[in-house]
Amino acid sequence: MALSDILPDRPLTATELRDLQESDTFDAVQTAADTERIDVLTVELDGDEHTLHYAAGAGWHTHEGSHGHH
């Protein structure tokens, strides 16, 4: 499952974040952003946390080694 299949090629809006949180795509979706332009997400899938970051030209990508604490 590619991130590009799930996330648009731009930062998320607050509404899209809520939709993602309510979907079954990930076990959990969180962000520290408190704006309408959400470009950093922490997602949990199968017990593993992944930090996703959006950058223009690079799209959504993971930051390896930045796993959260359980």
PDB file of N, CA and C in Angstrom:
ATOM      1  N   MET A   1       0.848  -1.178   0.000  1.00  0.00           N
ATOM      2  CA  MET A   1       0.000   0.000   0.000  1.00  0.00           C
ATOM      3  C   MET A   1       0.893   1.240   0.000  1.00  0.00           C
ATOM      4  N   ALA A   2       0.838   2.022  -1.056  1.00  0.00           N
ATOM      5  CA  ALA A   2       1.663   3.223  -1.167  1.00  0.00           C
ATOM      6  C   ALA A   2       0.972   4.405  -0.513  1.00  0.00           C
ATOM      7  N   LEU A   3       1.764   5.282   0.076  1.00  0.00           N
ATOM      8  CA  LEU A   3       1.190   6.476   0.692  1.00  0.00           C
ATOM      9  C   LEU A   3       0.434   7.311  -0.325  1.00  0.00           C
ATOM     10  N   SER A   4       0.915   7.325  -1.568  1.00  0.00           N
ATOM     11  CA  SER A   4       0.257   8.118  -2.608  1.00  0.00           C
ATOM     12  C   SER A   4      -1.142   7.598  -2.928  1.00  0.00           C
ATOM     13  N   ASP A   5      -1.423   6.349  -2.555  1.00  0.00           N
ATOM     14  CA  ASP A   5      -2.768   5.798  -2.748  1.00  0.00           C
ATOM     15  C   ASP A   5      -3.731   6.279  -1.672  1.00  0.00           C
ATOM     16  N   ILE A   6      -3.184   6.767  -0.551  1.00  0.00           N
ATOM     17  CA  ILE A   6      -3.993   7.145   0.596  1.00  0.00           C
ATOM     18  C   ILE A   6      -4.057   8.659   0.768  1.00  0.00           C
ATOM     19  N   LEU A   7      -2.906   9.307   0.603  1.00  0.00           N
ATOM     20  CA  LEU A   7      -2.786  10.731   0.890  1.00  0.00           C
ATOM     21  C   LEU A   7      -2.675  11.542  -0.393  1.00  0.00           C
ATOM     22  N   PRO A   8      -3.281  12.734  -0.423  1.00  0.00           N
ATOM     23  CA  PRO A   8      -3.167  13.581  -1.611  1.00  0.00           C
ATOM     24  C   PRO A   8      -1.754  14.135  -1.755  1.00  0.00           C
ATOM     25  N   ASP A   9      -1.414  14.618  -2.930  1.00  0.00           N
ATOM     26  CA  ASP A   9      -0.082  15.167  -3.172  1.00  0.00           C
ATOM     27  C   ASP A   9      -0.025  16.631  -2.716  1.00  0.00           C
ATOM     28  N   ARG A  10      -0.335  16.815  -1.441  1.00  0.00           N
ATOM     29  CA  ARG A  10      -0.330  18.131  -0.797  1.00  0.00           C
ATOM     30  C   ARG A  10      -0.600  17.890   0.685  1.00  0.00           C
ATOM     31  N   PRO A  11      -0.397  18.898   1.521  1.00  0.00           N
ATOM     32  CA  PRO A  11      -0.745  18.724   2.940  1.00  0.00           C
ATOM     33  C   PRO A  11      -2.242  18.454   3.099  1.00  0.00           C
ATOM     34  N   LEU A  12      -2.605  17.811   4.194  1.00  0.00           N
ATOM     35  CA  LEU A  12      -4.001  17.510   4.477  1.00  0.00           C
ATOM     36  C   LEU A  12      -4.714  18.716   5.074  1.00  0.00           C
ATOM     37  N   THR A  13      -6.023  18.749   4.889  1.00  0.00           N
ATOM     38  CA  THR A  13      -6.851  19.716   5.596  1.00  0.00           C
ATOM     39  C   THR A  13      -7.328  19.061   6.892  1.00  0.00           C
ATOM     40  N   ALA A  14      -7.866  19.852   7.802  1.00  0.00           N
ATOM     41  CA  ALA A  14      -8.380  19.308   9.064  1.00  0.00           C
ATOM     42  C   ALA A  14      -9.498  18.290   8.799  1.00  0.00           C
ATOM     43  N   THR A  15     -10.323  18.559   7.804  1.00  0.00           N
ATOM     44  CA  THR A  15     -11.419  17.633   7.459  1.00  0.00           C
ATOM     45  C   THR A  15     -10.865  16.308   6.953  1.00  0.00           C
ATOM     46  N   GLU A  16      -9.851  16.365   6.099  1.00  0.00           N
ATOM     47  CA  GLU A  16      -9.248  15.130   5.586  1.00  0.00           C
ATOM     48  C   GLU A  16      -8.581  14.345   6.707  1.00  0.00           C
ATOM     49  N   LEU A  17      -7.971  15.049   7.652  1.00  0.00           N
ATOM     50  CA  LEU A  17      -7.372  14.372   8.800  1.00  0.00           C
ATOM     51  C   LEU A  17      -8.444  13.634   9.586  1.00  0.00           C
ATOM     52  N   ARG A  18      -9.562  14.290   9.858  1.00  0.00           N
ATOM     53  CA  ARG A  18     -10.668  13.635  10.588  1.00  0.00           C
ATOM     54  C   ARG A  18     -11.161  12.412   9.832  1.00  0.00           C
ATOM     55  N   ASP A  19     -11.305  12.554   8.519  1.00  0.00           N
ATOM     56  CA  ASP A  19     -11.757  11.413   7.709  1.00  0.00           C
ATOM     57  C   ASP A  19     -10.773  10.252   7.817  1.00  0.00           C
ATOM     58  N   LEU A  20      -9.483  10.564   7.793  1.00  0.00           N
ATOM     59  CA  LEU A  20      -8.457   9.524   7.893  1.00  0.00           C
ATOM     60  C   LEU A  20      -8.497   8.867   9.270  1.00  0.00           C
ATOM     61  N   GLN A  21      -8.720   9.672  10.316  1.00  0.00           N
ATOM     62  CA  GLN A  21      -8.796   9.134  11.672  1.00  0.00           C
ATOM     63  C   GLN A  21      -9.995   8.211  11.834  1.00  0.00           C
ATOM     64  N   GLU A  22     -11.072   8.491  11.123  1.00  0.00           N
ATOM     65  CA  GLU A  22     -12.294   7.691  11.242  1.00  0.00           C
ATOM     66  C   GLU A  22     -12.295   6.483  10.315  1.00  0.00           C
ATOM     67  N   SER A  23     -11.346   6.435   9.381  1.00  0.00           N
ATOM     68  CA  SER A  23     -11.279   5.310   8.449  1.00  0.00           C
ATOM     69  C   SER A  23     -10.532   4.149   9.106  1.00  0.00           C
ATOM     70  N   ASP A  24     -10.516   3.022   8.420  1.00  0.00           N
ATOM     71  CA  ASP A  24      -9.812   1.842   8.933  1.00  0.00           C
ATOM     72  C   ASP A  24      -8.425   1.698   8.321  1.00  0.00           C
ATOM     73  N   THR A  25      -7.930   2.746   7.659  1.00  0.00           N
ATOM     74  CA  THR A  25      -6.642   2.665   6.974  1.00  0.00           C
ATOM     75  C   THR A  25      -5.496   2.428   7.948  1.00  0.00           C
ATOM     76  N   PHE A  26      -5.479   3.194   9.042  1.00  0.00           N
ATOM     77  CA  PHE A  26      -4.446   3.067  10.065  1.00  0.00           C
ATOM     78  C   PHE A  26      -5.113   2.791  11.401  1.00  0.00           C
ATOM     79  N   ASP A  27      -4.357   2.215  12.343  1.00  0.00           N
ATOM     80  CA  ASP A  27      -4.893   1.972  13.678  1.00  0.00           C
ATOM     81  C   ASP A  27      -5.095   3.284  14.427  1.00  0.00           C
ATOM     82  N   ALA A  28      -4.221   4.259  14.188  1.00  0.00           N
ATOM     83  CA  ALA A  28      -4.328   5.574  14.812  1.00  0.00           C
ATOM     84  C   ALA A  28      -3.650   6.595  13.917  1.00  0.00           C
ATOM     85  N   VAL A  29      -4.174   7.815  13.923  1.00  0.00           N
ATOM     86  CA  VAL A  29      -3.589   8.923  13.172  1.00  0.00           C
ATOM     87  C   VAL A  29      -3.587  10.141  14.077  1.00  0.00           C
ATOM     88  N   GLN A  30      -2.421  10.764  14.220  1.00  0.00           N
ATOM     89  CA  GLN A  30      -2.302  11.941  15.073  1.00  0.00           C
ATOM     90  C   GLN A  30      -1.440  12.977  14.365  1.00  0.00           C
ATOM     91  N   THR A  31      -1.592  14.224  14.785  1.00  0.00           N
ATOM     92  CA  THR A  31      -0.721  15.286  14.291  1.00  0.00           C
ATOM     93  C   THR A  31      -0.533  16.311  15.392  1.00  0.00           C
ATOM     94  N   ALA A  32       0.603  16.967  15.368  1.00  0.00           N
ATOM     95  CA  ALA A  32       0.843  18.060  16.307  1.00  0.00           C
ATOM     96  C   ALA A  32       0.393  19.378  15.694  1.00  0.00           C
ATOM     97  N   ALA A  33       0.103  19.361  14.399  1.00  0.00           N
ATOM     98  CA  ALA A  33      -0.300  20.579  13.698  1.00  0.00           C
ATOM     99  C   ALA A  33      -1.681  21.014  14.179  1.00  0.00           C
ATOM    100  N   ASP A  34      -1.845  22.310  14.320  1.00  0.00           N
ATOM    101  CA  ASP A  34      -3.138  22.855  14.746  1.00  0.00           C
ATOM    102  C   ASP A  34      -3.581  23.907  13.736  1.00  0.00           C
ATOM    103  N   THR A  35      -3.483  23.532  12.467  1.00  0.00           N
ATOM    104  CA  THR A  35      -3.819  24.457  11.391  1.00  0.00           C
ATOM    105  C   THR A  35      -4.623  23.716  10.336  1.00  0.00           C
ATOM    106  N   GLU A  36      -5.000  24.425   9.298  1.00  0.00           N
ATOM    107  CA  GLU A  36      -5.688  23.794   8.170  1.00  0.00           C
ATOM    108  C   GLU A  36      -4.703  23.168   7.192  1.00  0.00           C
ATOM    109  N   ARG A  37      -3.407  23.328   7.456  1.00  0.00           N
ATOM    110  CA  ARG A  37      -2.389  22.768   6.555  1.00  0.00           C
ATOM    111  C   ARG A  37      -1.555  21.775   7.365  1.00  0.00           C
ATOM    112  N   ILE A  38      -1.913  20.518   7.273  1.00  0.00           N
ATOM    113  CA  ILE A  38      -1.279  19.481   8.085  1.00  0.00           C
ATOM    114  C   ILE A  38      -0.266  18.749   7.223  1.00  0.00           C
ATOM    115  N   ASP A  39       1.037  18.942   7.555  1.00  0.00           N
ATOM    116  CA  ASP A  39       2.077  18.316   6.737  1.00  0.00           C
ATOM    117  C   ASP A  39       2.936  17.332   7.524  1.00  0.00           C
ATOM    118  N   VAL A  40       2.547  17.050   8.773  1.00  0.00           N
ATOM    119  CA  VAL A  40       3.238  16.031   9.565  1.00  0.00           C
ATOM    120  C   VAL A  40       2.179  15.173  10.248  1.00  0.00           C
ATOM    121  N   LEU A  41       2.283  13.869  10.085  1.00  0.00           N
ATOM    122  CA  LEU A  41       1.355  12.921  10.701  1.00  0.00           C
ATOM    123  C   LEU A  41       2.141  11.842  11.424  1.00  0.00           C
ATOM    124  N   THR A  42       1.578  11.341  12.505  1.00  0.00           N
ATOM    125  CA  THR A  42       2.082  10.122  13.121  1.00  0.00           C
ATOM    126  C   THR A  42       0.977   9.086  12.961  1.00  0.00           C
ATOM    127  N   VAL A  43       1.304   7.995  12.302  1.00  0.00           N
ATOM    128  CA  VAL A  43       0.317   6.941  12.081  1.00  0.00           C
ATOM    129  C   VAL A  43       0.787   5.671  12.773  1.00  0.00           C
ATOM    130  N   GLU A  44      -0.183   4.898  13.231  1.00  0.00           N
ATOM    131  CA  GLU A  44       0.128   3.610  13.846  1.00  0.00           C
ATOM    132  C   GLU A  44      -0.516   2.523  13.007  1.00  0.00           C
ATOM    133  N   LEU A  45       0.294   1.521  12.683  1.00  0.00           N
ATOM    134  CA  LEU A  45      -0.185   0.405  11.880  1.00  0.00           C
ATOM    135  C   LEU A  45       0.454  -0.863  12.408  1.00  0.00           C
ATOM    136  N   ASP A  46      -0.375  -1.812  12.801  1.00  0.00           N
ATOM    137  CA  ASP A  46       0.103  -3.091  13.329  1.00  0.00           C
ATOM    138  C   ASP A  46       1.076  -2.906  14.494  1.00  0.00           C
ATOM    139  N   GLY A  47       0.801  -1.921  15.350  1.00  0.00           N
ATOM    140  CA  GLY A  47       1.615  -1.706  16.539  1.00  0.00           C
ATOM    141  C   GLY A  47       2.859  -0.879  16.322  1.00  0.00           C
ATOM    142  N   ASP A  48       3.149  -0.501  15.087  1.00  0.00           N
ATOM    143  CA  ASP A  48       4.326   0.315  14.795  1.00  0.00           C
ATOM    144  C   ASP A  48       3.900   1.745  14.480  1.00  0.00           C
ATOM    145  N   GLU A  49       4.627   2.710  15.048  1.00  0.00           N
ATOM    146  CA  GLU A  49       4.356   4.116  14.754  1.00  0.00           C
ATOM    147  C   GLU A  49       5.306   4.604  13.671  1.00  0.00           C
ATOM    148  N   HIS A  50       4.772   5.414  12.761  1.00  0.00           N
ATOM    149  CA  HIS A  50       5.565   5.977  11.676  1.00  0.00           C
ATOM    150  C   HIS A  50       5.251   7.460  11.593  1.00  0.00           C
ATOM    151  N   THR A  51       6.283   8.281  11.458  1.00  0.00           N
ATOM    152  CA  THR A  51       6.091   9.713  11.260  1.00  0.00           C
ATOM    153  C   THR A  51       6.157   9.996   9.772  1.00  0.00           C
ATOM    154  N   LEU A  52       5.101  10.604   9.265  1.00  0.00           N
ATOM    155  CA  LEU A  52       5.023  10.956   7.852  1.00  0.00           C
ATOM    156  C   LEU A  52       5.140  12.462   7.717  1.00  0.00           C
ATOM    157  N   HIS A  53       5.873  12.903   6.706  1.00  0.00           N
ATOM    158  CA  HIS A  53       6.081  14.324   6.487  1.00  0.00           C
ATOM    159  C   HIS A  53       5.829  14.632   5.016  1.00  0.00           C
ATOM    160  N   TYR A  54       5.173  15.759   4.758  1.00  0.00           N
ATOM    161  CA  TYR A  54       4.960  16.169   3.372  1.00  0.00           C
ATOM    162  C   TYR A  54       5.937  17.275   3.025  1.00  0.00           C
ATOM    163  N   ALA A  55       6.603  17.130   1.902  1.00  0.00           N
ATOM    164  CA  ALA A  55       7.491  18.175   1.392  1.00  0.00           C
ATOM    165  C   ALA A  55       7.191  18.368  -0.086  1.00  0.00           C
ATOM    166  N   ALA A  56       7.084  19.613  -0.513  1.00  0.00           N
ATOM    167  CA  ALA A  56       6.829  19.900  -1.916  1.00  0.00           C
ATOM    168  C   ALA A  56       7.931  19.258  -2.764  1.00  0.00           C
ATOM    169  N   GLY A  57       7.526  18.579  -3.816  1.00  0.00           N
ATOM    170  CA  GLY A  57       8.494  17.927  -4.688  1.00  0.00           C
ATOM    171  C   GLY A  57       8.825  16.508  -4.267  1.00  0.00           C
ATOM    172  N   ALA A  58       8.689  16.211  -2.979  1.00  0.00           N
ATOM    173  CA  ALA A  58       8.989  14.868  -2.480  1.00  0.00           C
ATOM    174  C   ALA A  58       7.727  14.112  -2.100  1.00  0.00           C
ATOM    175  N   GLY A  59       6.640  14.839  -1.873  1.00  0.00           N
ATOM    176  CA  GLY A  59       5.394  14.206  -1.470  1.00  0.00           C
ATOM    177  C   GLY A  59       5.476  13.715  -0.029  1.00  0.00           C
ATOM    178  N   TRP A  60       4.593  12.803   0.325  1.00  0.00           N
ATOM    179  CA  TRP A  60       4.575  12.227   1.672  1.00  0.00           C
ATOM    180  C   TRP A  60       5.651  11.165   1.775  1.00  0.00           C
ATOM    181  N   HIS A  61       6.422  11.188   2.845  1.00  0.00           N
ATOM    182  CA  HIS A  61       7.457  10.182   3.062  1.00  0.00           C
ATOM    183  C   HIS A  61       7.633   9.963   4.562  1.00  0.00           C
ATOM    184  N   THR A  62       8.214   8.829   4.905  1.00  0.00           N
ATOM    185  CA  THR A  62       8.418   8.513   6.316  1.00  0.00           C
ATOM    186  C   THR A  62       9.759   9.038   6.779  1.00  0.00           C
ATOM    187  N   HIS A  63       9.818   9.320   8.050  1.00  0.00           N
ATOM    188  CA  HIS A  63      11.077   9.692   8.689  1.00  0.00           C
ATOM    189  C   HIS A  63      11.521   8.476   9.484  1.00  0.00           C
ATOM    190  N   GLU A  64      12.391   7.689   8.922  1.00  0.00           N
ATOM    191  CA  GLU A  64      12.848   6.465   9.596  1.00  0.00           C
ATOM    192  C   GLU A  64      13.632   6.827  10.852  1.00  0.00           C
ATOM    193  N   GLY A  65      13.468   6.007  11.868  1.00  0.00           N
ATOM    194  CA  GLY A  65      14.193   6.226  13.107  1.00  0.00           C
ATOM    195  C   GLY A  65      13.508   7.203  14.038  1.00  0.00           C
ATOM    196  N   SER A  66      12.322   7.695  13.643  1.00  0.00           N
ATOM    197  CA  SER A  66      11.622   8.640  14.503  1.00  0.00           C
ATOM    198  C   SER A  66      10.370   8.004  15.096  1.00  0.00           C
ATOM    199  N   HIS A  67      10.475   6.768  15.455  1.00  0.00           N
ATOM    200  CA  HIS A  67       9.344   6.051  16.021  1.00  0.00           C
ATOM    201  C   HIS A  67       9.036   6.555  17.414  1.00  0.00           C
ATOM    202  N   GLY A  68       7.762   6.624  17.736  1.00  0.00           N
ATOM    203  CA  GLY A  68       7.354   7.098  19.057  1.00  0.00           C
ATOM    204  C   GLY A  68       7.519   6.023  20.104  1.00  0.00           C
ATOM    205  N   HIS A  69       7.298   6.396  21.334  1.00  0.00           N
ATOM    206  CA  HIS A  69       7.399   5.458  22.443  1.00  0.00           C
ATOM    207  C   HIS A  69       6.032   4.875  22.724  1.00  0.00           C
ATOM    208  N   HIS A  70       6.009   3.593  23.085  1.00  0.00           N
ATOM    209  CA  HIS A  70       4.732   2.926  23.375  1.00  0.00           C
ATOM    210  C   HIS A  70       4.438   2.990  24.836  1.00  0.00           C
TER     211      HIS A  70
END
